[in-house]
Amino acid sequence: MDPSRTRPVAGALFAVNMLVATEGGGTFTFDELAEDLKSAGFVEVVQVRRDEGMNSVIVAVKPPEVGISEAHAGDS
């Protein structure tokens, strides 16, 4: 969805349906999704496809977690 939440039209109609049919449903802008992904530890969040419908693709990278033994490997 664009920041005004009025485009694409199919997304706006879907948002109305979600609000009617679910307790707290809605749609999200790219910025909102990117913020959620970053909060979950993802980096390099990029929207690689956006069309006039609701077909968007967002790609993000989840870096490997550094274990305690790896983080302190150079301490000895």
N, C-alpha and C. Protein backbone atom coordinates (compact mmCIF):
# COMPACT_ATOMS: atom_id res chain seq x y z
N MET A 1 0.84 -1.19 0.00
CA MET A 1 0.00 0.00 0.00
C MET A 1 0.88 1.24 0.00
N ASP A 2 0.39 2.26 -0.67
CA ASP A 2 1.11 3.52 -0.59
C ASP A 2 0.80 4.17 0.76
N PRO A 3 1.55 5.16 1.17
CA PRO A 3 1.34 5.75 2.50
C PRO A 3 -0.07 6.29 2.75
N SER A 4 -0.78 6.69 1.68
CA SER A 4 -2.15 7.20 1.87
C SER A 4 -3.16 6.07 2.07
N ARG A 5 -2.73 4.83 1.81
CA ARG A 5 -3.56 3.62 1.92
C ARG A 5 -4.75 3.62 0.96
N THR A 6 -4.62 4.36 -0.14
CA THR A 6 -5.69 4.39 -1.14
C THR A 6 -5.29 3.73 -2.45
N ARG A 7 -4.04 3.38 -2.60
CA ARG A 7 -3.52 2.73 -3.80
C ARG A 7 -2.65 1.56 -3.41
N PRO A 8 -2.66 0.52 -4.11
CA PRO A 8 -3.54 0.21 -5.22
C PRO A 8 -4.98 0.02 -4.75
N VAL A 9 -5.91 0.22 -5.67
CA VAL A 9 -7.33 0.13 -5.34
C VAL A 9 -7.67 -1.25 -4.75
N ALA A 10 -7.10 -2.31 -5.34
CA ALA A 10 -7.37 -3.66 -4.83
C ALA A 10 -6.91 -3.78 -3.38
N GLY A 11 -5.80 -3.15 -3.05
CA GLY A 11 -5.32 -3.17 -1.67
C GLY A 11 -6.24 -2.42 -0.72
N ALA A 12 -6.77 -1.28 -1.17
CA ALA A 12 -7.70 -0.51 -0.35
C ALA A 12 -8.98 -1.31 -0.09
N LEU A 13 -9.48 -1.98 -1.12
CA LEU A 13 -10.67 -2.82 -0.94
C LEU A 13 -10.38 -3.99 -0.01
N PHE A 14 -9.20 -4.58 -0.15
CA PHE A 14 -8.81 -5.67 0.73
C PHE A 14 -8.75 -5.18 2.18
N ALA A 15 -8.22 -3.98 2.40
CA ALA A 15 -8.13 -3.42 3.75
C ALA A 15 -9.51 -3.26 4.37
N VAL A 16 -10.47 -2.78 3.59
CA VAL A 16 -11.84 -2.63 4.10
C VAL A 16 -12.39 -4.00 4.48
N ASN A 17 -12.15 -5.01 3.63
CA ASN A 17 -12.61 -6.37 3.93
C ASN A 17 -11.97 -6.88 5.22
N MET A 18 -10.68 -6.65 5.39
CA MET A 18 -10.00 -7.11 6.60
C MET A 18 -10.55 -6.42 7.84
N LEU A 19 -10.85 -5.13 7.74
CA LEU A 19 -11.39 -4.42 8.89
C LEU A 19 -12.78 -4.91 9.26
N VAL A 20 -13.56 -5.29 8.26
CA VAL A 20 -14.92 -5.79 8.50
C VAL A 20 -14.90 -7.22 9.02
N ALA A 21 -14.03 -8.04 8.45
CA ALA A 21 -14.07 -9.48 8.72
C ALA A 21 -13.16 -9.95 9.86
N THR A 22 -12.27 -9.11 10.33
CA THR A 22 -11.36 -9.55 11.39
C THR A 22 -11.35 -8.54 12.53
N GLU A 23 -10.83 -8.97 13.66
CA GLU A 23 -10.82 -8.12 14.83
C GLU A 23 -9.89 -6.90 14.68
N GLY A 24 -8.74 -7.08 14.06
CA GLY A 24 -7.82 -5.96 13.95
C GLY A 24 -7.05 -5.96 12.64
N GLY A 25 -7.65 -6.54 11.61
CA GLY A 25 -6.94 -6.68 10.34
C GLY A 25 -6.78 -5.38 9.60
N GLY A 26 -5.88 -5.39 8.66
CA GLY A 26 -5.63 -4.22 7.84
C GLY A 26 -4.56 -4.53 6.82
N THR A 27 -4.01 -3.51 6.23
CA THR A 27 -2.92 -3.66 5.29
C THR A 27 -1.75 -2.82 5.78
N PHE A 28 -0.58 -3.04 5.19
CA PHE A 28 0.62 -2.38 5.68
C PHE A 28 1.38 -1.73 4.52
N THR A 29 1.99 -0.61 4.80
CA THR A 29 2.85 0.04 3.82
C THR A 29 4.22 -0.64 3.84
N PHE A 30 5.02 -0.36 2.81
CA PHE A 30 6.37 -0.92 2.78
C PHE A 30 7.16 -0.48 4.01
N ASP A 31 7.07 0.79 4.37
CA ASP A 31 7.82 1.30 5.52
C ASP A 31 7.44 0.56 6.80
N GLU A 32 6.15 0.27 6.97
CA GLU A 32 5.72 -0.48 8.16
C GLU A 32 6.28 -1.90 8.16
N LEU A 33 6.22 -2.56 7.00
CA LEU A 33 6.77 -3.91 6.90
C LEU A 33 8.28 -3.91 7.12
N ALA A 34 8.97 -2.93 6.54
CA ALA A 34 10.42 -2.85 6.70
C ALA A 34 10.78 -2.65 8.17
N GLU A 35 10.04 -1.82 8.87
CA GLU A 35 10.29 -1.58 10.29
C GLU A 35 10.10 -2.87 11.10
N ASP A 36 9.04 -3.61 10.81
CA ASP A 36 8.80 -4.89 11.50
C ASP A 36 9.91 -5.88 11.22
N LEU A 37 10.34 -5.97 9.97
CA LEU A 37 11.41 -6.90 9.61
C LEU A 37 12.72 -6.52 10.31
N LYS A 38 13.03 -5.24 10.35
CA LYS A 38 14.26 -4.80 11.02
C LYS A 38 14.19 -5.07 12.52
N SER A 39 13.01 -4.89 13.11
CA SER A 39 12.83 -5.20 14.53
C SER A 39 13.05 -6.68 14.82
N ALA A 40 12.78 -7.52 13.82
CA ALA A 40 12.96 -8.97 13.97
C ALA A 40 14.38 -9.40 13.62
N GLY A 41 15.27 -8.45 13.32
CA GLY A 41 16.66 -8.77 13.06
C GLY A 41 17.05 -8.87 11.60
N PHE A 42 16.13 -8.56 10.69
CA PHE A 42 16.46 -8.60 9.27
C PHE A 42 17.17 -7.32 8.85
N VAL A 43 17.98 -7.41 7.81
CA VAL A 43 18.69 -6.25 7.26
C VAL A 43 18.47 -6.24 5.75
N GLU A 44 18.92 -5.18 5.12
CA GLU A 44 18.83 -5.06 3.66
C GLU A 44 17.41 -5.33 3.14
N VAL A 45 16.44 -4.65 3.74
CA VAL A 45 15.04 -4.82 3.34
C VAL A 45 14.80 -4.00 2.08
N VAL A 46 14.37 -4.68 1.01
CA VAL A 46 14.19 -4.03 -0.29
C VAL A 46 12.89 -4.51 -0.92
N GLN A 47 12.14 -3.57 -1.48
CA GLN A 47 10.96 -3.95 -2.26
C GLN A 47 11.44 -4.16 -3.69
N VAL A 48 11.44 -5.41 -4.15
CA VAL A 48 11.99 -5.72 -5.46
C VAL A 48 10.93 -5.75 -6.56
N ARG A 49 9.67 -5.79 -6.16
CA ARG A 49 8.61 -5.76 -7.17
C ARG A 49 7.40 -5.06 -6.58
N ARG A 50 6.84 -4.17 -7.37
CA ARG A 50 5.59 -3.50 -7.01
C ARG A 50 4.83 -3.26 -8.30
N ASP A 51 3.58 -3.70 -8.33
CA ASP A 51 2.78 -3.43 -9.52
C ASP A 51 1.50 -2.71 -9.12
N GLU A 52 0.64 -2.48 -10.07
CA GLU A 52 -0.59 -1.74 -9.81
C GLU A 52 -1.60 -2.54 -9.02
N GLY A 53 -1.43 -3.85 -8.97
CA GLY A 53 -2.30 -4.69 -8.15
C GLY A 53 -1.72 -4.84 -6.76
N MET A 54 -1.96 -5.98 -6.19
CA MET A 54 -1.45 -6.23 -4.84
C MET A 54 -0.25 -7.16 -4.87
N ASN A 55 0.43 -7.25 -5.98
CA ASN A 55 1.54 -8.18 -6.13
C ASN A 55 2.87 -7.49 -5.90
N SER A 56 3.33 -7.50 -4.68
CA SER A 56 4.62 -6.92 -4.34
C SER A 56 5.49 -8.01 -3.75
N VAL A 57 6.79 -7.84 -3.90
CA VAL A 57 7.75 -8.77 -3.32
C VAL A 57 8.75 -7.96 -2.51
N ILE A 58 8.93 -8.36 -1.27
CA ILE A 58 9.90 -7.72 -0.39
C ILE A 58 10.93 -8.78 -0.01
N VAL A 59 12.19 -8.41 -0.13
CA VAL A 59 13.28 -9.33 0.21
C VAL A 59 14.07 -8.72 1.37
N ALA A 60 14.42 -9.57 2.34
CA ALA A 60 15.23 -9.14 3.46
C ALA A 60 16.19 -10.26 3.83
N VAL A 61 17.29 -9.89 4.44
CA VAL A 61 18.32 -10.84 4.80
C VAL A 61 18.35 -11.00 6.32
N LYS A 62 18.36 -12.24 6.78
CA LYS A 62 18.50 -12.51 8.22
C LYS A 62 19.94 -12.96 8.44
N PRO A 63 20.77 -12.10 9.06
CA PRO A 63 22.16 -12.49 9.27
C PRO A 63 22.24 -13.67 10.25
N PRO A 64 23.27 -14.49 10.10
CA PRO A 64 23.42 -15.61 11.04
C PRO A 64 23.67 -15.07 12.44
N GLU A 65 23.11 -15.78 13.42
CA GLU A 65 23.34 -15.38 14.81
C GLU A 65 24.74 -15.81 15.22
N VAL A 66 25.40 -14.95 15.95
CA VAL A 66 26.73 -15.26 16.44
C VAL A 66 26.59 -15.95 17.78
N GLY A 67 27.08 -17.17 17.85
CA GLY A 67 27.02 -17.90 19.11
C GLY A 67 28.06 -17.39 20.09
N ILE A 68 27.91 -17.77 21.35
CA ILE A 68 28.84 -17.30 22.39
C ILE A 68 30.26 -17.76 22.07
N SER A 69 30.41 -19.01 21.64
CA SER A 69 31.76 -19.52 21.37
C SER A 69 32.39 -18.78 20.18
N GLU A 70 31.59 -18.41 19.18
CA GLU A 70 32.11 -17.67 18.03
C GLU A 70 32.46 -16.24 18.40
N ALA A 71 31.63 -15.63 19.24
CA ALA A 71 31.84 -14.24 19.62
C ALA A 71 33.11 -14.07 20.43
N HIS A 72 33.51 -15.10 21.20
CA HIS A 72 34.67 -14.99 22.05
C HIS A 72 35.86 -15.82 21.52
N ALA A 73 35.82 -16.23 20.28
CA ALA A 73 36.88 -17.08 19.73
C ALA A 73 38.23 -16.39 19.75
N GLY A 74 38.26 -15.08 19.58
CA GLY A 74 39.54 -14.38 19.53
C GLY A 74 40.01 -13.90 20.88
N ASP A 75 39.27 -14.21 21.96
CA ASP A 75 39.62 -13.73 23.30
C ASP A 75 40.78 -14.50 23.94
N SER A 76 41.11 -15.66 23.46
CA SER A 76 42.13 -16.46 24.14
C SER A 76 43.52 -16.22 23.64
